[in-house]
Amino acid sequence: MQPGDLCHHGTNALPLYRVIWIHDGKAWLRDVNNGADSVVSLDRCRACGDGDVEQDLDARAKPAPLTWPDGTPRP
């Protein structure tokens, strides 16, 4: 695991965290949903090895363009 990777900790696969920094067996993590930071023991972190997770996050980060009911783009 290295900075920039996605991970989770505990028994749940959510919430997802992005690794910010690793030092002395601890990881500084940022919750990808609400931006909250936490520091946890590195042995509690489980890497998300699935690339689909990254694609899903990228898709949610880009909202669909707003359109009027007839389909024309809204300003």
N, C-alpha and C. Protein backbone atom coordinates (compact mmCIF):
# COMPACT_ATOMS: atom_id res chain seq x y z
N MET A 1 0.84 -1.17 0.00
CA MET A 1 0.00 0.00 0.00
C MET A 1 0.89 1.24 0.00
N GLN A 2 0.45 2.26 -0.75
CA GLN A 2 1.23 3.49 -0.86
C GLN A 2 0.29 4.67 -0.99
N PRO A 3 0.78 5.89 -0.82
CA PRO A 3 -0.08 7.07 -0.96
C PRO A 3 -0.79 7.08 -2.31
N GLY A 4 -2.07 7.43 -2.26
CA GLY A 4 -2.89 7.46 -3.47
C GLY A 4 -3.78 6.24 -3.62
N ASP A 5 -3.44 5.14 -2.93
CA ASP A 5 -4.24 3.92 -3.02
C ASP A 5 -5.56 4.08 -2.27
N LEU A 6 -6.56 3.32 -2.69
CA LEU A 6 -7.83 3.24 -1.98
C LEU A 6 -7.79 2.05 -1.03
N CYS A 7 -8.41 2.22 0.13
CA CYS A 7 -8.45 1.12 1.09
C CYS A 7 -9.69 1.25 1.96
N HIS A 8 -9.91 0.27 2.78
CA HIS A 8 -10.93 0.31 3.82
C HIS A 8 -10.31 -0.35 5.04
N HIS A 9 -10.95 -0.20 6.19
CA HIS A 9 -10.41 -0.87 7.38
C HIS A 9 -11.57 -1.43 8.18
N GLY A 10 -11.25 -2.37 9.03
CA GLY A 10 -12.29 -3.08 9.76
C GLY A 10 -12.89 -4.17 8.91
N THR A 11 -14.08 -4.60 9.29
CA THR A 11 -14.73 -5.71 8.58
C THR A 11 -15.59 -5.24 7.41
N ASN A 12 -15.86 -3.94 7.32
CA ASN A 12 -16.71 -3.42 6.25
C ASN A 12 -15.88 -2.96 5.06
N ALA A 13 -16.47 -3.06 3.88
CA ALA A 13 -15.80 -2.57 2.68
C ALA A 13 -16.03 -1.07 2.50
N LEU A 14 -16.92 -0.50 3.29
CA LEU A 14 -17.18 0.93 3.25
C LEU A 14 -17.01 1.51 4.63
N PRO A 15 -16.65 2.72 4.81
CA PRO A 15 -16.35 3.69 3.77
C PRO A 15 -14.99 3.45 3.15
N LEU A 16 -14.80 4.05 2.00
CA LEU A 16 -13.52 3.97 1.32
C LEU A 16 -12.64 5.14 1.74
N TYR A 17 -11.36 4.87 1.84
CA TYR A 17 -10.39 5.89 2.23
C TYR A 17 -9.29 5.95 1.17
N ARG A 18 -8.74 7.14 0.98
CA ARG A 18 -7.56 7.30 0.13
C ARG A 18 -6.38 7.48 1.06
N VAL A 19 -5.30 6.73 0.80
CA VAL A 19 -4.10 6.83 1.62
C VAL A 19 -3.39 8.13 1.28
N ILE A 20 -3.14 8.94 2.32
CA ILE A 20 -2.45 10.21 2.13
C ILE A 20 -0.96 10.03 2.42
N TRP A 21 -0.63 9.36 3.53
CA TRP A 21 0.76 9.20 3.94
C TRP A 21 0.90 7.97 4.80
N ILE A 22 2.04 7.32 4.76
CA ILE A 22 2.34 6.16 5.61
C ILE A 22 3.66 6.43 6.32
N HIS A 23 3.66 6.21 7.65
CA HIS A 23 4.87 6.44 8.43
C HIS A 23 4.80 5.64 9.73
N ASP A 24 5.88 4.95 10.06
CA ASP A 24 6.00 4.20 11.32
C ASP A 24 4.81 3.28 11.61
N GLY A 25 4.35 2.56 10.59
CA GLY A 25 3.28 1.59 10.79
C GLY A 25 1.90 2.19 10.93
N LYS A 26 1.75 3.47 10.62
CA LYS A 26 0.44 4.12 10.67
C LYS A 26 0.15 4.74 9.31
N ALA A 27 -1.14 4.82 9.01
CA ALA A 27 -1.57 5.40 7.74
C ALA A 27 -2.49 6.58 7.99
N TRP A 28 -2.22 7.67 7.30
CA TRP A 28 -3.11 8.83 7.32
C TRP A 28 -4.08 8.62 6.17
N LEU A 29 -5.38 8.56 6.48
CA LEU A 29 -6.40 8.26 5.49
C LEU A 29 -7.38 9.41 5.37
N ARG A 30 -7.97 9.56 4.18
CA ARG A 30 -9.03 10.54 3.96
C ARG A 30 -10.24 9.82 3.40
N ASP A 31 -11.38 9.98 4.07
CA ASP A 31 -12.65 9.40 3.62
C ASP A 31 -13.01 10.03 2.28
N VAL A 32 -13.25 9.22 1.25
CA VAL A 32 -13.52 9.76 -0.08
C VAL A 32 -14.92 10.37 -0.18
N ASN A 33 -15.83 10.05 0.75
CA ASN A 33 -17.18 10.58 0.70
C ASN A 33 -17.31 11.94 1.38
N ASN A 34 -16.68 12.09 2.55
CA ASN A 34 -16.90 13.33 3.29
C ASN A 34 -15.62 14.12 3.57
N GLY A 35 -14.46 13.61 3.16
CA GLY A 35 -13.21 14.33 3.33
C GLY A 35 -12.62 14.29 4.72
N ALA A 36 -13.21 13.54 5.64
CA ALA A 36 -12.69 13.44 7.00
C ALA A 36 -11.39 12.65 7.02
N ASP A 37 -10.43 13.12 7.79
CA ASP A 37 -9.13 12.46 7.91
C ASP A 37 -9.09 11.60 9.17
N SER A 38 -8.30 10.56 9.10
CA SER A 38 -8.06 9.72 10.28
C SER A 38 -6.68 9.09 10.15
N VAL A 39 -6.15 8.69 11.29
CA VAL A 39 -4.87 7.98 11.33
C VAL A 39 -5.14 6.64 12.00
N VAL A 40 -4.79 5.56 11.31
CA VAL A 40 -5.03 4.22 11.84
C VAL A 40 -3.77 3.39 11.68
N SER A 41 -3.72 2.32 12.41
CA SER A 41 -2.61 1.39 12.29
C SER A 41 -2.65 0.76 10.90
N LEU A 42 -1.51 0.67 10.28
CA LEU A 42 -1.43 0.15 8.92
C LEU A 42 -1.93 -1.28 8.80
N ASP A 43 -1.80 -2.07 9.86
CA ASP A 43 -2.26 -3.46 9.78
C ASP A 43 -3.79 -3.57 9.76
N ARG A 44 -4.51 -2.50 10.02
CA ARG A 44 -5.98 -2.50 9.93
C ARG A 44 -6.47 -2.17 8.53
N CYS A 45 -5.59 -1.64 7.68
CA CYS A 45 -5.98 -1.21 6.33
C CYS A 45 -5.99 -2.39 5.37
N ARG A 46 -7.02 -2.44 4.56
CA ARG A 46 -7.15 -3.46 3.51
C ARG A 46 -7.22 -2.76 2.17
N ALA A 47 -6.30 -3.05 1.30
CA ALA A 47 -6.26 -2.40 -0.02
C ALA A 47 -7.44 -2.84 -0.87
N CYS A 48 -7.97 -1.90 -1.63
CA CYS A 48 -9.02 -2.19 -2.62
C CYS A 48 -8.30 -2.46 -3.92
N GLY A 49 -8.19 -3.72 -4.29
CA GLY A 49 -7.43 -4.09 -5.47
C GLY A 49 -8.21 -4.01 -6.75
N ASP A 50 -9.49 -3.67 -6.66
CA ASP A 50 -10.34 -3.68 -7.83
C ASP A 50 -10.32 -2.32 -8.51
N GLY A 51 -9.90 -2.24 -9.75
CA GLY A 51 -9.86 -0.98 -10.49
C GLY A 51 -11.24 -0.39 -10.74
N ASP A 52 -12.30 -1.22 -10.65
CA ASP A 52 -13.65 -0.73 -10.86
C ASP A 52 -14.03 0.30 -9.81
N VAL A 53 -13.50 0.17 -8.61
CA VAL A 53 -13.80 1.13 -7.55
C VAL A 53 -13.35 2.52 -7.96
N GLU A 54 -12.15 2.63 -8.52
CA GLU A 54 -11.63 3.92 -8.97
C GLU A 54 -12.53 4.50 -10.06
N GLN A 55 -12.98 3.66 -10.99
CA GLN A 55 -13.82 4.15 -12.08
C GLN A 55 -15.16 4.62 -11.54
N ASP A 56 -15.74 3.91 -10.57
CA ASP A 56 -17.00 4.31 -9.97
C ASP A 56 -16.86 5.66 -9.28
N LEU A 57 -15.76 5.87 -8.56
CA LEU A 57 -15.55 7.14 -7.88
C LEU A 57 -15.42 8.26 -8.89
N ASP A 58 -14.71 8.03 -9.99
CA ASP A 58 -14.55 9.05 -11.01
C ASP A 58 -15.90 9.40 -11.65
N ALA A 59 -16.74 8.40 -11.86
CA ALA A 59 -18.05 8.63 -12.47
C ALA A 59 -18.94 9.44 -11.53
N ARG A 60 -18.88 9.17 -10.23
CA ARG A 60 -19.70 9.92 -9.27
C ARG A 60 -19.19 11.34 -9.11
N ALA A 61 -17.92 11.58 -9.34
CA ALA A 61 -17.35 12.91 -9.16
C ALA A 61 -17.78 13.84 -10.28
N LYS A 62 -18.23 13.30 -11.41
CA LYS A 62 -18.63 14.12 -12.54
C LYS A 62 -20.15 14.04 -12.69
N PRO A 63 -20.88 15.06 -12.24
CA PRO A 63 -22.34 15.01 -12.35
C PRO A 63 -22.79 15.07 -13.81
N ALA A 64 -23.91 14.48 -14.05
CA ALA A 64 -24.47 14.51 -15.40
C ALA A 64 -24.88 15.95 -15.72
N PRO A 65 -24.74 16.37 -16.97
CA PRO A 65 -25.14 17.73 -17.33
C PRO A 65 -26.65 17.91 -17.17
N LEU A 66 -27.05 19.11 -16.73
CA LEU A 66 -28.47 19.40 -16.56
C LEU A 66 -29.09 19.74 -17.89
N THR A 67 -30.27 19.20 -18.13
CA THR A 67 -30.99 19.49 -19.37
C THR A 67 -32.44 19.84 -19.04
N TRP A 68 -33.07 20.57 -19.96
CA TRP A 68 -34.49 20.85 -19.85
C TRP A 68 -35.25 19.58 -20.24
N PRO A 69 -36.55 19.51 -19.93
CA PRO A 69 -37.33 18.31 -20.28
C PRO A 69 -37.27 17.92 -21.75
N ASP A 70 -37.08 18.93 -22.64
CA ASP A 70 -36.99 18.59 -24.06
C ASP A 70 -35.61 18.12 -24.48
N GLY A 71 -34.64 18.08 -23.53
CA GLY A 71 -33.32 17.57 -23.82
C GLY A 71 -32.26 18.62 -24.12
N THR A 72 -32.67 19.88 -24.24
CA THR A 72 -31.68 20.93 -24.50
C THR A 72 -30.88 21.21 -23.23
N PRO A 73 -29.61 21.55 -23.38
CA PRO A 73 -28.77 21.81 -22.21
C PRO A 73 -29.22 23.05 -21.44
N ARG A 74 -29.15 22.96 -20.12
CA ARG A 74 -29.44 24.10 -19.28
C ARG A 74 -28.16 24.88 -19.01
N PRO A 75 -28.28 26.21 -18.92
CA PRO A 75 -27.07 27.01 -18.64
C PRO A 75 -26.55 26.80 -17.23
